[in-house]
Amino acid sequence: MIDLCSIRKVQSALKRFEETLEAETGLSLNEAMCLCAIKKGLAEPGLLAHELELSPSRLTRILDGLENRKLVSRRLSDGDRRSITAELTARGNALIEKYRCADIPLPDELAFTQK
């Protein structure tokens, strides 16, 4: 059973993790998750939004920021020229590879334990 009174601890731990992630990588948690999803092959914005549980407009803002920082590029889809796909740039791919095994520790509070 999950201790519902621990929700505040988990929330605080996640906030600290996000702050560490941003300090180490320059990425927000949503940006990092977006880059990882693209790396795994999710290139179509609709699929990315669904996978990351983000609204399409929020995903667009995230992709805009990543594209401005030259971490992703968007282009017309090869299969359907009416749609676009997102792909990692060399710089985005290098960032993912560098931090794939980074020593950014997950706070203990983020591990749910059974009682």
N, C-alpha and C. Protein backbone atom coordinates (compact mmCIF):
# COMPACT_ATOMS: atom_id res chain seq x y z
N MET A 1 0.84 -1.17 0.00
CA MET A 1 0.00 0.00 0.00
C MET A 1 0.88 1.24 0.00
N ILE A 2 0.47 2.23 -0.73
CA ILE A 2 1.21 3.49 -0.80
C ILE A 2 0.78 4.39 0.35
N ASP A 3 1.73 4.97 1.03
CA ASP A 3 1.46 5.90 2.12
C ASP A 3 1.07 7.25 1.51
N LEU A 4 -0.22 7.56 1.56
CA LEU A 4 -0.70 8.80 0.94
C LEU A 4 -0.10 10.05 1.58
N CYS A 5 0.32 9.95 2.78
CA CYS A 5 0.92 11.11 3.45
C CYS A 5 2.33 11.41 2.92
N SER A 6 2.88 10.49 2.15
CA SER A 6 4.22 10.70 1.59
C SER A 6 4.19 11.44 0.26
N ILE A 7 3.01 11.77 -0.23
CA ILE A 7 2.91 12.44 -1.53
C ILE A 7 3.71 13.74 -1.54
N ARG A 8 3.67 14.49 -0.47
CA ARG A 8 4.44 15.75 -0.41
C ARG A 8 5.93 15.48 -0.51
N LYS A 9 6.40 14.42 0.14
CA LYS A 9 7.83 14.07 0.05
C LYS A 9 8.20 13.72 -1.39
N VAL A 10 7.34 12.96 -2.05
CA VAL A 10 7.61 12.57 -3.44
C VAL A 10 7.61 13.81 -4.32
N GLN A 11 6.65 14.69 -4.11
CA GLN A 11 6.56 15.92 -4.90
C GLN A 11 7.82 16.78 -4.71
N SER A 12 8.28 16.90 -3.50
CA SER A 12 9.49 17.69 -3.22
C SER A 12 10.72 17.03 -3.83
N ALA A 13 10.79 15.71 -3.74
CA ALA A 13 11.93 14.97 -4.31
C ALA A 13 11.97 15.14 -5.83
N LEU A 14 10.81 15.06 -6.46
CA LEU A 14 10.75 15.23 -7.91
C LEU A 14 11.18 16.64 -8.31
N LYS A 15 10.77 17.63 -7.53
CA LYS A 15 11.17 19.02 -7.81
C LYS A 15 12.69 19.16 -7.71
N ARG A 16 13.28 18.57 -6.67
CA ARG A 16 14.75 18.62 -6.53
C ARG A 16 15.43 17.91 -7.68
N PHE A 17 14.88 16.76 -8.10
CA PHE A 17 15.45 16.03 -9.24
C PHE A 17 15.39 16.88 -10.50
N GLU A 18 14.26 17.53 -10.75
CA GLU A 18 14.11 18.38 -11.94
C GLU A 18 15.11 19.54 -11.91
N GLU A 19 15.33 20.12 -10.73
CA GLU A 19 16.29 21.21 -10.61
C GLU A 19 17.71 20.73 -10.91
N THR A 20 18.04 19.53 -10.41
CA THR A 20 19.36 18.95 -10.69
C THR A 20 19.51 18.63 -12.16
N LEU A 21 18.47 18.05 -12.75
CA LEU A 21 18.49 17.74 -14.18
C LEU A 21 18.73 18.99 -15.00
N GLU A 22 18.00 20.06 -14.68
CA GLU A 22 18.17 21.29 -15.45
C GLU A 22 19.55 21.90 -15.25
N ALA A 23 20.07 21.85 -14.02
CA ALA A 23 21.41 22.39 -13.76
C ALA A 23 22.48 21.59 -14.51
N GLU A 24 22.33 20.28 -14.57
CA GLU A 24 23.31 19.41 -15.21
C GLU A 24 23.23 19.44 -16.74
N THR A 25 22.00 19.47 -17.27
CA THR A 25 21.82 19.29 -18.71
C THR A 25 21.28 20.52 -19.43
N GLY A 26 20.69 21.45 -18.67
CA GLY A 26 20.03 22.59 -19.31
C GLY A 26 18.64 22.26 -19.82
N LEU A 27 18.14 21.06 -19.50
CA LEU A 27 16.85 20.60 -19.99
C LEU A 27 15.83 20.51 -18.86
N SER A 28 14.60 20.86 -19.18
CA SER A 28 13.51 20.57 -18.25
C SER A 28 13.19 19.09 -18.35
N LEU A 29 12.42 18.58 -17.40
CA LEU A 29 12.06 17.16 -17.44
C LEU A 29 11.28 16.85 -18.71
N ASN A 30 10.33 17.71 -19.11
CA ASN A 30 9.57 17.47 -20.33
C ASN A 30 10.46 17.48 -21.57
N GLU A 31 11.43 18.38 -21.60
CA GLU A 31 12.35 18.42 -22.74
C GLU A 31 13.19 17.15 -22.81
N ALA A 32 13.69 16.70 -21.66
CA ALA A 32 14.50 15.48 -21.62
C ALA A 32 13.67 14.28 -22.04
N MET A 33 12.43 14.19 -21.56
CA MET A 33 11.57 13.06 -21.94
C MET A 33 11.26 13.10 -23.43
N CYS A 34 11.10 14.29 -23.98
CA CYS A 34 10.83 14.44 -25.40
C CYS A 34 12.03 13.96 -26.22
N LEU A 35 13.23 14.38 -25.85
CA LEU A 35 14.43 13.94 -26.56
C LEU A 35 14.57 12.42 -26.50
N CYS A 36 14.32 11.84 -25.33
CA CYS A 36 14.44 10.39 -25.18
C CYS A 36 13.40 9.66 -26.03
N ALA A 37 12.19 10.19 -26.09
CA ALA A 37 11.14 9.56 -26.90
C ALA A 37 11.50 9.63 -28.39
N ILE A 38 12.05 10.74 -28.83
CA ILE A 38 12.48 10.86 -30.23
C ILE A 38 13.61 9.88 -30.50
N LYS A 39 14.53 9.76 -29.56
CA LYS A 39 15.64 8.81 -29.69
C LYS A 39 15.13 7.38 -29.84
N LYS A 40 14.02 7.07 -29.16
CA LYS A 40 13.43 5.73 -29.24
C LYS A 40 12.62 5.51 -30.51
N GLY A 41 12.49 6.56 -31.34
CA GLY A 41 11.82 6.38 -32.62
C GLY A 41 10.46 7.03 -32.75
N LEU A 42 9.98 7.70 -31.73
CA LEU A 42 8.71 8.42 -31.83
C LEU A 42 8.98 9.77 -32.48
N ALA A 43 8.66 9.89 -33.74
CA ALA A 43 9.02 11.10 -34.48
C ALA A 43 7.82 11.98 -34.82
N GLU A 44 6.62 11.41 -34.82
CA GLU A 44 5.42 12.14 -35.21
C GLU A 44 4.88 12.88 -33.98
N PRO A 45 4.68 14.20 -34.10
CA PRO A 45 4.26 14.98 -32.93
C PRO A 45 3.00 14.46 -32.22
N GLY A 46 2.03 13.96 -32.95
CA GLY A 46 0.83 13.42 -32.31
C GLY A 46 1.15 12.23 -31.41
N LEU A 47 2.02 11.35 -31.89
CA LEU A 47 2.44 10.20 -31.08
C LEU A 47 3.27 10.63 -29.88
N LEU A 48 4.14 11.62 -30.10
CA LEU A 48 4.94 12.15 -28.99
C LEU A 48 4.04 12.74 -27.91
N ALA A 49 3.08 13.55 -28.30
CA ALA A 49 2.17 14.18 -27.34
C ALA A 49 1.42 13.11 -26.55
N HIS A 50 0.95 12.08 -27.24
CA HIS A 50 0.23 11.01 -26.56
C HIS A 50 1.15 10.26 -25.59
N GLU A 51 2.32 9.89 -26.05
CA GLU A 51 3.27 9.13 -25.22
C GLU A 51 3.69 9.92 -23.98
N LEU A 52 3.90 11.22 -24.14
CA LEU A 52 4.38 12.05 -23.03
C LEU A 52 3.25 12.65 -22.22
N GLU A 53 2.01 12.36 -22.63
CA GLU A 53 0.82 12.89 -21.96
C GLU A 53 0.85 14.41 -21.89
N LEU A 54 1.15 15.02 -23.03
CA LEU A 54 1.18 16.47 -23.17
C LEU A 54 0.15 16.90 -24.20
N SER A 55 -0.36 18.10 -24.05
CA SER A 55 -1.26 18.62 -25.07
C SER A 55 -0.44 18.91 -26.32
N PRO A 56 -1.06 18.85 -27.49
CA PRO A 56 -0.31 19.18 -28.71
C PRO A 56 0.31 20.58 -28.67
N SER A 57 -0.39 21.54 -28.08
CA SER A 57 0.18 22.90 -28.03
C SER A 57 1.39 22.95 -27.11
N ARG A 58 1.36 22.23 -25.99
CA ARG A 58 2.51 22.19 -25.07
C ARG A 58 3.70 21.51 -25.75
N LEU A 59 3.43 20.42 -26.47
CA LEU A 59 4.50 19.73 -27.18
C LEU A 59 5.11 20.64 -28.24
N THR A 60 4.29 21.40 -28.93
CA THR A 60 4.80 22.33 -29.94
C THR A 60 5.76 23.33 -29.32
N ARG A 61 5.40 23.86 -28.15
CA ARG A 61 6.29 24.81 -27.46
C ARG A 61 7.60 24.14 -27.06
N ILE A 62 7.52 22.90 -26.61
CA ILE A 62 8.74 22.16 -26.22
C ILE A 62 9.61 21.94 -27.46
N LEU A 63 9.00 21.47 -28.55
CA LEU A 63 9.77 21.25 -29.79
C LEU A 63 10.36 22.55 -30.32
N ASP A 64 9.61 23.66 -30.22
CA ASP A 64 10.14 24.96 -30.64
C ASP A 64 11.42 25.29 -29.87
N GLY A 65 11.37 25.11 -28.55
CA GLY A 65 12.55 25.40 -27.72
C GLY A 65 13.72 24.50 -28.05
N LEU A 66 13.44 23.21 -28.25
CA LEU A 66 14.52 22.26 -28.59
C LEU A 66 15.09 22.56 -29.97
N GLU A 67 14.23 22.97 -30.89
CA GLU A 67 14.70 23.31 -32.24
C GLU A 67 15.52 24.59 -32.21
N ASN A 68 15.11 25.58 -31.42
CA ASN A 68 15.88 26.83 -31.29
C ASN A 68 17.27 26.58 -30.72
N ARG A 69 17.39 25.56 -29.88
CA ARG A 69 18.69 25.21 -29.29
C ARG A 69 19.44 24.19 -30.13
N LYS A 70 18.90 23.90 -31.33
CA LYS A 70 19.55 23.00 -32.29
C LYS A 70 19.69 21.57 -31.76
N LEU A 71 18.72 21.13 -30.94
CA LEU A 71 18.73 19.77 -30.42
C LEU A 71 17.83 18.85 -31.24
N VAL A 72 16.82 19.41 -31.88
CA VAL A 72 15.95 18.65 -32.79
C VAL A 72 15.72 19.47 -34.04
N SER A 73 15.31 18.78 -35.07
CA SER A 73 14.87 19.46 -36.30
C SER A 73 13.54 18.85 -36.70
N ARG A 74 12.75 19.63 -37.37
CA ARG A 74 11.47 19.15 -37.88
C ARG A 74 11.50 19.26 -39.39
N ARG A 75 10.92 18.25 -40.03
CA ARG A 75 10.88 18.26 -41.49
C ARG A 75 9.62 17.56 -41.95
N LEU A 76 9.30 17.72 -43.21
CA LEU A 76 8.15 17.03 -43.77
C LEU A 76 8.38 15.53 -43.72
N SER A 77 7.35 14.79 -43.41
CA SER A 77 7.43 13.34 -43.34
C SER A 77 7.70 12.76 -44.72
N ASP A 78 8.53 11.74 -44.79
CA ASP A 78 8.79 11.05 -46.05
C ASP A 78 7.53 10.32 -46.53
N GLY A 79 6.78 9.75 -45.60
CA GLY A 79 5.60 8.96 -45.96
C GLY A 79 4.37 9.79 -46.29
N ASP A 80 4.23 10.94 -45.65
CA ASP A 80 3.05 11.78 -45.85
C ASP A 80 3.49 13.24 -45.78
N ARG A 81 3.59 13.87 -46.93
CA ARG A 81 4.13 15.23 -46.99
C ARG A 81 3.22 16.27 -46.34
N ARG A 82 2.05 15.84 -45.84
CA ARG A 82 1.17 16.75 -45.11
C ARG A 82 1.54 16.83 -43.64
N SER A 83 2.38 15.92 -43.17
CA SER A 83 2.74 15.91 -41.76
C SER A 83 4.24 16.11 -41.59
N ILE A 84 4.62 16.39 -40.36
CA ILE A 84 6.03 16.61 -40.05
C ILE A 84 6.53 15.53 -39.11
N THR A 85 7.83 15.38 -39.07
CA THR A 85 8.46 14.48 -38.11
C THR A 85 9.57 15.26 -37.40
N ALA A 86 9.86 14.82 -36.20
CA ALA A 86 10.94 15.42 -35.41
C ALA A 86 12.09 14.42 -35.36
N GLU A 87 13.28 14.93 -35.44
CA GLU A 87 14.45 14.06 -35.32
C GLU A 87 15.53 14.78 -34.54
N LEU A 88 16.36 13.99 -33.87
CA LEU A 88 17.48 14.56 -33.12
C LEU A 88 18.53 15.07 -34.09
N THR A 89 19.10 16.19 -33.76
CA THR A 89 20.27 16.66 -34.50
C THR A 89 21.49 15.95 -33.91
N ALA A 90 22.63 16.14 -34.51
CA ALA A 90 23.86 15.56 -33.97
C ALA A 90 24.08 16.06 -32.54
N ARG A 91 23.79 17.34 -32.32
CA ARG A 91 23.95 17.93 -30.98
C ARG A 91 22.97 17.31 -29.98
N GLY A 92 21.72 17.11 -30.40
CA GLY A 92 20.73 16.48 -29.53
C GLY A 92 21.08 15.04 -29.22
N ASN A 93 21.54 14.32 -30.22
CA ASN A 93 21.95 12.93 -30.02
C ASN A 93 23.14 12.85 -29.07
N ALA A 94 24.09 13.75 -29.22
CA ALA A 94 25.26 13.76 -28.33
C ALA A 94 24.85 14.04 -26.89
N LEU A 95 23.88 14.93 -26.70
CA LEU A 95 23.40 15.25 -25.35
C LEU A 95 22.75 14.02 -24.72
N ILE A 96 21.92 13.32 -25.48
CA ILE A 96 21.28 12.11 -24.97
C ILE A 96 22.32 11.06 -24.62
N GLU A 97 23.29 10.86 -25.48
CA GLU A 97 24.32 9.85 -25.22
C GLU A 97 25.14 10.21 -23.98
N LYS A 98 25.45 11.49 -23.83
CA LYS A 98 26.25 11.93 -22.68
C LYS A 98 25.53 11.68 -21.37
N TYR A 99 24.22 11.94 -21.33
CA TYR A 99 23.49 11.85 -20.07
C TYR A 99 22.71 10.56 -19.90
N ARG A 100 22.83 9.65 -20.88
CA ARG A 100 22.11 8.37 -20.76
C ARG A 100 22.47 7.66 -19.47
N CYS A 101 23.73 7.68 -19.12
CA CYS A 101 24.19 7.00 -17.90
C CYS A 101 24.76 8.00 -16.91
N ALA A 102 24.17 9.16 -16.86
CA ALA A 102 24.68 10.20 -15.97
C ALA A 102 24.47 9.82 -14.51
N ASP A 103 25.26 10.41 -13.69
CA ASP A 103 25.15 10.16 -12.26
C ASP A 103 24.22 11.17 -11.59
N ILE A 104 23.06 11.37 -12.17
CA ILE A 104 22.04 12.21 -11.54
C ILE A 104 21.19 11.27 -10.71
N PRO A 105 21.36 11.29 -9.41
CA PRO A 105 20.67 10.30 -8.57
C PRO A 105 19.18 10.58 -8.45
N LEU A 106 18.41 9.50 -8.44
CA LEU A 106 16.99 9.62 -8.14
C LEU A 106 16.84 9.66 -6.63
N PRO A 107 16.12 10.63 -6.11
CA PRO A 107 15.91 10.69 -4.66
C PRO A 107 15.20 9.44 -4.16
N ASP A 108 15.54 9.00 -2.96
CA ASP A 108 14.93 7.82 -2.37
C ASP A 108 13.41 7.94 -2.30
N GLU A 109 12.93 9.16 -2.12
CA GLU A 109 11.49 9.37 -1.98
C GLU A 109 10.72 9.02 -3.25
N LEU A 110 11.42 8.92 -4.38
CA LEU A 110 10.74 8.59 -5.62
C LEU A 110 10.54 7.09 -5.81
N ALA A 111 11.09 6.31 -4.92
CA ALA A 111 10.90 4.85 -4.98
C ALA A 111 9.75 4.48 -4.06
N PHE A 112 8.64 4.08 -4.67
CA PHE A 112 7.50 3.66 -3.85
C PHE A 112 7.80 2.30 -3.25
N THR A 113 7.50 2.16 -2.00
CA THR A 113 7.74 0.87 -1.33
C THR A 113 6.40 0.29 -0.87
N GLN A 114 6.35 -1.02 -0.87
CA GLN A 114 5.17 -1.73 -0.39
C GLN A 114 5.28 -1.87 1.14
N LYS A 115 4.16 -1.74 1.81
CA LYS A 115 4.16 -1.95 3.27
C LYS A 115 3.44 -3.22 3.59
